Amino acid sequence: MKELTLADPRPGADCDADVVKALRRQEIGSIEALMALYADRVYRLAMRITGSRPDAEEVVQDAFWTVVRRIEMFRGDAAFGSWLYRITANCAYEKLRVRARHQESSIDDGSVMREGHAAQWQDWSARIEDPALQVELRHVLIAALDSLPEDYRAVVVLRDVEGLSPQDVSEMTGLSVAAVKGRTHRARLALRKRLGEDLADPPLSHHQRV
């Protein structure tokens, strides 16, 4: 399965550097400048993980507040945007942890097609490049992600949307690396099955078959 992308241009390094300097100096308007650069993307990441508008809004507030409080901890070893997104992912996953609806996920090895049976699915991959399918594919993909149990959705978003390593996701979620890999694998199978069902060609009518 190809890695997903949010397809948004990332703010430039020069803008990041200016915002970091302003935040460290506690300049008036520095927080507003930070939000102007990153609020939309941070919100979308929070929504993809939590699946809840109110929770996502709280995650955005928590993430930006964390950045402001910990700005001196940013050493520039990685891009500022990557640092901010990891903070956002941590806040979002913590939001999942404190929800009352903690229960064992319904996805297991028996609930999705195994890789050995993948050939039975409708093969939609060759149709991805069809321009007429692009909008439909995006909507179907978002719906497929939202249909995953929240713990699995969080892991696959962190891995395939944000491109984080299994080790990074393990640190954020408290899961073992093996558990991260297992959940990612099963979530990808579930997504592929859902996409295969939703993008399958409609069956031929009687007249078309004759």
Protein backbone atom coordinates (compact mmCIF):
# COMPACT_ATOMS: atom_id res chain seq x y z
CA MET A 1 0.00 0.00 0.00
CA LYS A 2 1.41 3.36 -0.97
CA GLU A 3 2.16 5.83 1.77
CA LEU A 4 -0.57 8.40 2.09
CA THR A 5 0.11 12.13 2.00
CA LEU A 6 -1.85 15.15 3.16
CA ALA A 7 -0.66 16.90 0.00
CA ASP A 8 -0.19 20.26 1.68
CA PRO A 9 2.94 22.36 1.15
CA ARG A 10 5.07 22.48 4.25
CA PRO A 11 5.99 25.88 5.64
CA GLY A 12 9.48 26.99 4.69
CA ALA A 13 12.52 26.70 6.91
CA ASP A 14 12.98 30.49 6.96
CA CYS A 15 9.46 31.02 8.28
CA ASP A 16 10.02 28.30 10.88
CA ALA A 17 13.24 29.92 12.06
CA ASP A 18 11.55 33.31 12.41
CA VAL A 19 8.68 31.84 14.41
CA VAL A 20 11.02 29.90 16.69
CA LYS A 21 13.05 33.03 17.41
CA ALA A 22 9.89 35.03 18.09
CA LEU A 23 8.51 32.38 20.44
CA ARG A 24 11.78 32.22 22.38
CA ARG A 25 11.75 36.00 22.75
CA GLN A 26 8.06 35.88 23.75
CA GLU A 27 7.33 38.50 21.14
CA ILE A 28 3.80 39.80 20.75
CA GLY A 29 2.09 37.99 17.89
CA SER A 30 4.48 35.02 17.89
CA ILE A 31 1.76 32.53 18.84
CA GLU A 32 -0.54 33.93 16.18
CA ALA A 33 2.26 33.56 13.61
CA LEU A 34 2.78 29.94 14.67
CA MET A 35 -0.92 29.18 14.28
CA ALA A 36 -1.11 30.92 10.92
CA LEU A 37 1.63 28.61 9.62
CA TYR A 38 0.50 25.32 11.11
CA ALA A 39 -3.05 25.41 12.50
CA ASP A 40 -4.74 23.82 9.48
CA ARG A 41 -2.31 20.94 9.15
CA VAL A 42 -2.17 20.30 12.90
CA TYR A 43 -5.96 20.22 13.01
CA ARG A 44 -6.17 17.75 10.14
CA LEU A 45 -3.67 15.45 11.82
CA ALA A 46 -5.62 15.66 15.08
CA MET A 47 -8.87 14.88 13.26
CA ARG A 48 -7.39 11.88 11.49
CA ILE A 49 -6.21 10.41 14.80
CA THR A 50 -9.13 11.25 17.09
CA GLY A 51 -11.98 11.17 14.57
CA SER A 52 -13.73 13.81 16.65
CA ARG A 53 -14.04 17.53 15.92
CA PRO A 54 -14.24 18.61 19.60
CA ASP A 55 -11.29 16.37 20.52
CA ALA A 56 -9.28 17.61 17.55
CA GLU A 57 -9.87 21.23 18.58
CA GLU A 58 -8.65 20.44 22.09
CA VAL A 59 -5.62 18.64 20.68
CA VAL A 60 -4.72 21.71 18.61
CA GLN A 61 -4.86 23.90 21.70
CA ASP A 62 -2.85 21.41 23.74
CA ALA A 63 -0.23 21.01 21.00
CA PHE A 64 0.36 24.73 20.51
CA TRP A 65 0.42 25.34 24.26
CA THR A 66 3.00 22.56 24.60
CA VAL A 67 5.14 24.12 21.86
CA VAL A 68 5.04 27.51 23.58
CA ARG A 69 6.00 26.01 26.94
CA ARG A 70 8.74 23.78 25.55
CA ILE A 71 10.17 25.97 22.79
CA GLU A 72 13.54 26.07 24.56
CA MET A 73 13.69 22.28 24.21
CA PHE A 74 13.68 22.54 20.41
CA ARG A 75 17.33 22.17 19.38
CA GLY A 76 16.91 22.09 15.63
CA ASP A 77 18.11 18.48 15.25
CA ALA A 78 14.97 17.86 13.19
CA ALA A 79 12.71 20.20 11.25
CA PHE A 80 10.50 22.35 13.45
CA GLY A 81 7.42 21.07 11.61
CA SER A 82 8.33 17.47 12.41
CA TRP A 83 8.79 18.38 16.07
CA LEU A 84 5.40 20.09 16.14
CA TYR A 85 3.66 17.17 14.42
CA ARG A 86 5.11 14.71 16.90
CA ILE A 87 3.83 16.85 19.76
CA THR A 88 0.43 16.95 18.05
CA ALA A 89 0.41 13.18 17.58
CA ASN A 90 1.32 12.70 21.24
CA CYS A 91 -1.50 15.00 22.35
CA ALA A 92 -3.96 13.27 20.04
CA TYR A 93 -3.02 9.80 21.21
CA GLU A 94 -3.23 10.93 24.82
CA LYS A 95 -6.76 12.13 24.04
CA LEU A 96 -7.58 8.59 22.92
CA ARG A 97 -6.09 7.16 26.09
CA VAL A 98 -8.31 9.20 28.41
CA ARG A 99 -11.54 8.37 26.60
CA ALA A 100 -13.86 6.19 28.57
CA ARG A 101 -14.34 3.92 25.58
CA HIS A 102 -11.20 1.89 26.13
CA GLN A 103 -11.92 -1.59 24.90
CA GLU A 104 -10.25 -4.25 22.87
CA SER A 105 -10.30 -3.38 19.18
CA SER A 106 -12.56 -5.39 16.93
CA ILE A 107 -9.87 -5.86 14.27
CA ASP A 108 -8.01 -9.14 14.50
CA ASP A 109 -6.40 -11.60 12.16
CA GLY A 110 -9.74 -13.18 11.38
CA SER A 111 -11.70 -10.02 10.63
CA VAL A 112 -9.80 -8.94 7.53
CA MET A 113 -8.56 -10.81 4.49
CA ARG A 114 -5.14 -12.33 4.90
CA GLU A 115 -2.44 -11.38 2.45
CA GLY A 116 -2.57 -14.87 0.99
CA HIS A 117 -6.13 -14.22 -0.14
CA ALA A 118 -5.52 -10.72 -1.47
CA ALA A 119 -6.02 -11.91 -5.04
CA GLN A 120 -9.72 -12.41 -4.25
CA TRP A 121 -10.18 -8.68 -3.73
CA GLN A 122 -11.20 -6.33 -6.50
CA ASP A 123 -7.93 -5.00 -7.94
CA TRP A 124 -8.40 -1.23 -7.93
CA SER A 125 -4.71 -0.25 -7.83
CA ALA A 126 -4.43 0.11 -11.61
CA ARG A 127 -7.24 2.67 -11.55
CA ILE A 128 -5.54 5.04 -9.07
CA GLU A 129 -3.98 7.15 -11.82
CA ASP A 130 -7.38 7.74 -13.44
CA PRO A 131 -8.03 11.51 -13.00
CA ALA A 132 -11.75 10.86 -12.76
CA LEU A 133 -11.10 8.70 -9.70
CA GLN A 134 -8.95 11.12 -7.72
CA VAL A 135 -11.73 12.91 -5.84
CA GLU A 136 -13.65 9.69 -5.28
CA LEU A 137 -10.53 7.95 -4.02
CA ARG A 138 -9.82 10.72 -1.53
CA HIS A 139 -13.34 10.55 -0.10
CA VAL A 140 -13.29 6.77 0.06
CA LEU A 141 -9.86 6.78 1.70
CA ILE A 142 -10.95 9.24 4.39
CA ALA A 143 -14.08 7.20 5.06
CA ALA A 144 -12.00 4.02 5.24
CA LEU A 145 -9.62 5.60 7.77
CA ASP A 146 -12.53 6.86 9.85
CA SER A 147 -14.06 3.37 9.89
CA LEU A 148 -11.02 1.89 11.67
CA PRO A 149 -11.11 1.43 15.45
CA GLU A 150 -9.45 4.49 16.96
CA ASP A 151 -6.27 2.76 18.19
CA TYR A 152 -5.67 1.26 14.76
CA ARG A 153 -6.52 4.51 13.01
CA ALA A 154 -4.02 6.38 15.16
CA VAL A 155 -1.22 3.93 14.39
CA VAL A 156 -1.79 3.85 10.63
CA VAL A 157 -2.09 7.64 10.46
CA LEU A 158 1.20 8.06 12.31
CA ARG A 159 2.91 5.47 10.13
CA ASP A 160 1.47 6.09 6.66
CA VAL A 161 0.23 9.68 6.72
CA GLU A 162 2.94 11.24 8.85
CA GLY A 163 5.64 8.78 7.80
CA LEU A 164 6.91 8.07 11.32
CA SER A 165 9.00 4.99 12.03
CA PRO A 166 7.67 2.07 14.12
CA GLN A 167 10.10 3.14 16.85
CA ASP A 168 8.69 6.70 16.88
CA VAL A 169 5.12 5.42 17.02
CA SER A 170 6.07 3.03 19.80
CA GLU A 171 7.42 5.90 21.89
CA MET A 172 4.29 7.99 21.29
CA THR A 173 1.73 5.29 21.97
CA GLY A 174 3.42 3.14 24.59
CA LEU A 175 2.95 0.07 22.38
CA SER A 176 5.82 -2.27 21.65
CA VAL A 177 7.43 -2.00 18.23
CA ALA A 178 6.04 -5.43 17.42
CA ALA A 179 2.53 -4.30 18.37
CA VAL A 180 2.89 -1.18 16.23
CA LYS A 181 3.93 -3.29 13.25
CA GLY A 182 1.11 -5.75 13.85
CA ARG A 183 -1.55 -3.08 14.10
CA THR A 184 -0.19 -1.27 11.07
CA HIS A 185 -0.27 -4.49 9.05
CA ARG A 186 -3.84 -5.37 10.04
CA ALA A 187 -5.06 -1.80 9.53
CA ARG A 188 -3.54 -1.72 6.05
CA LEU A 189 -5.27 -4.98 5.19
CA ALA A 190 -8.57 -3.59 6.44
CA LEU A 191 -8.09 -0.38 4.44
CA ARG A 192 -7.19 -2.31 1.30
CA LYS A 193 -10.27 -4.50 1.69
CA ARG A 194 -12.49 -1.45 2.24
CA LEU A 195 -11.02 0.34 -0.78
CA GLY A 196 -11.44 -2.78 -2.88
CA GLU A 197 -15.11 -2.97 -1.95
CA ASP A 198 -15.85 0.72 -2.45
CA LEU A 199 -13.93 1.12 -5.69
CA ALA A 200 -14.97 -2.17 -7.27
CA ASP A 201 -16.36 -1.92 -10.77
CA PRO A 202 -20.16 -2.31 -10.76
CA PRO A 203 -21.31 -5.78 -11.84
CA LEU A 204 -22.23 -6.21 -15.48
CA SER A 205 -25.91 -6.19 -16.30
CA HIS A 206 -27.54 -9.12 -18.09
CA HIS A 207 -27.49 -7.23 -21.42
CA GLN A 208 -23.78 -6.38 -20.98
CA ARG A 209 -22.92 -10.02 -20.38
CA VAL A 210 -24.83 -11.28 -23.41
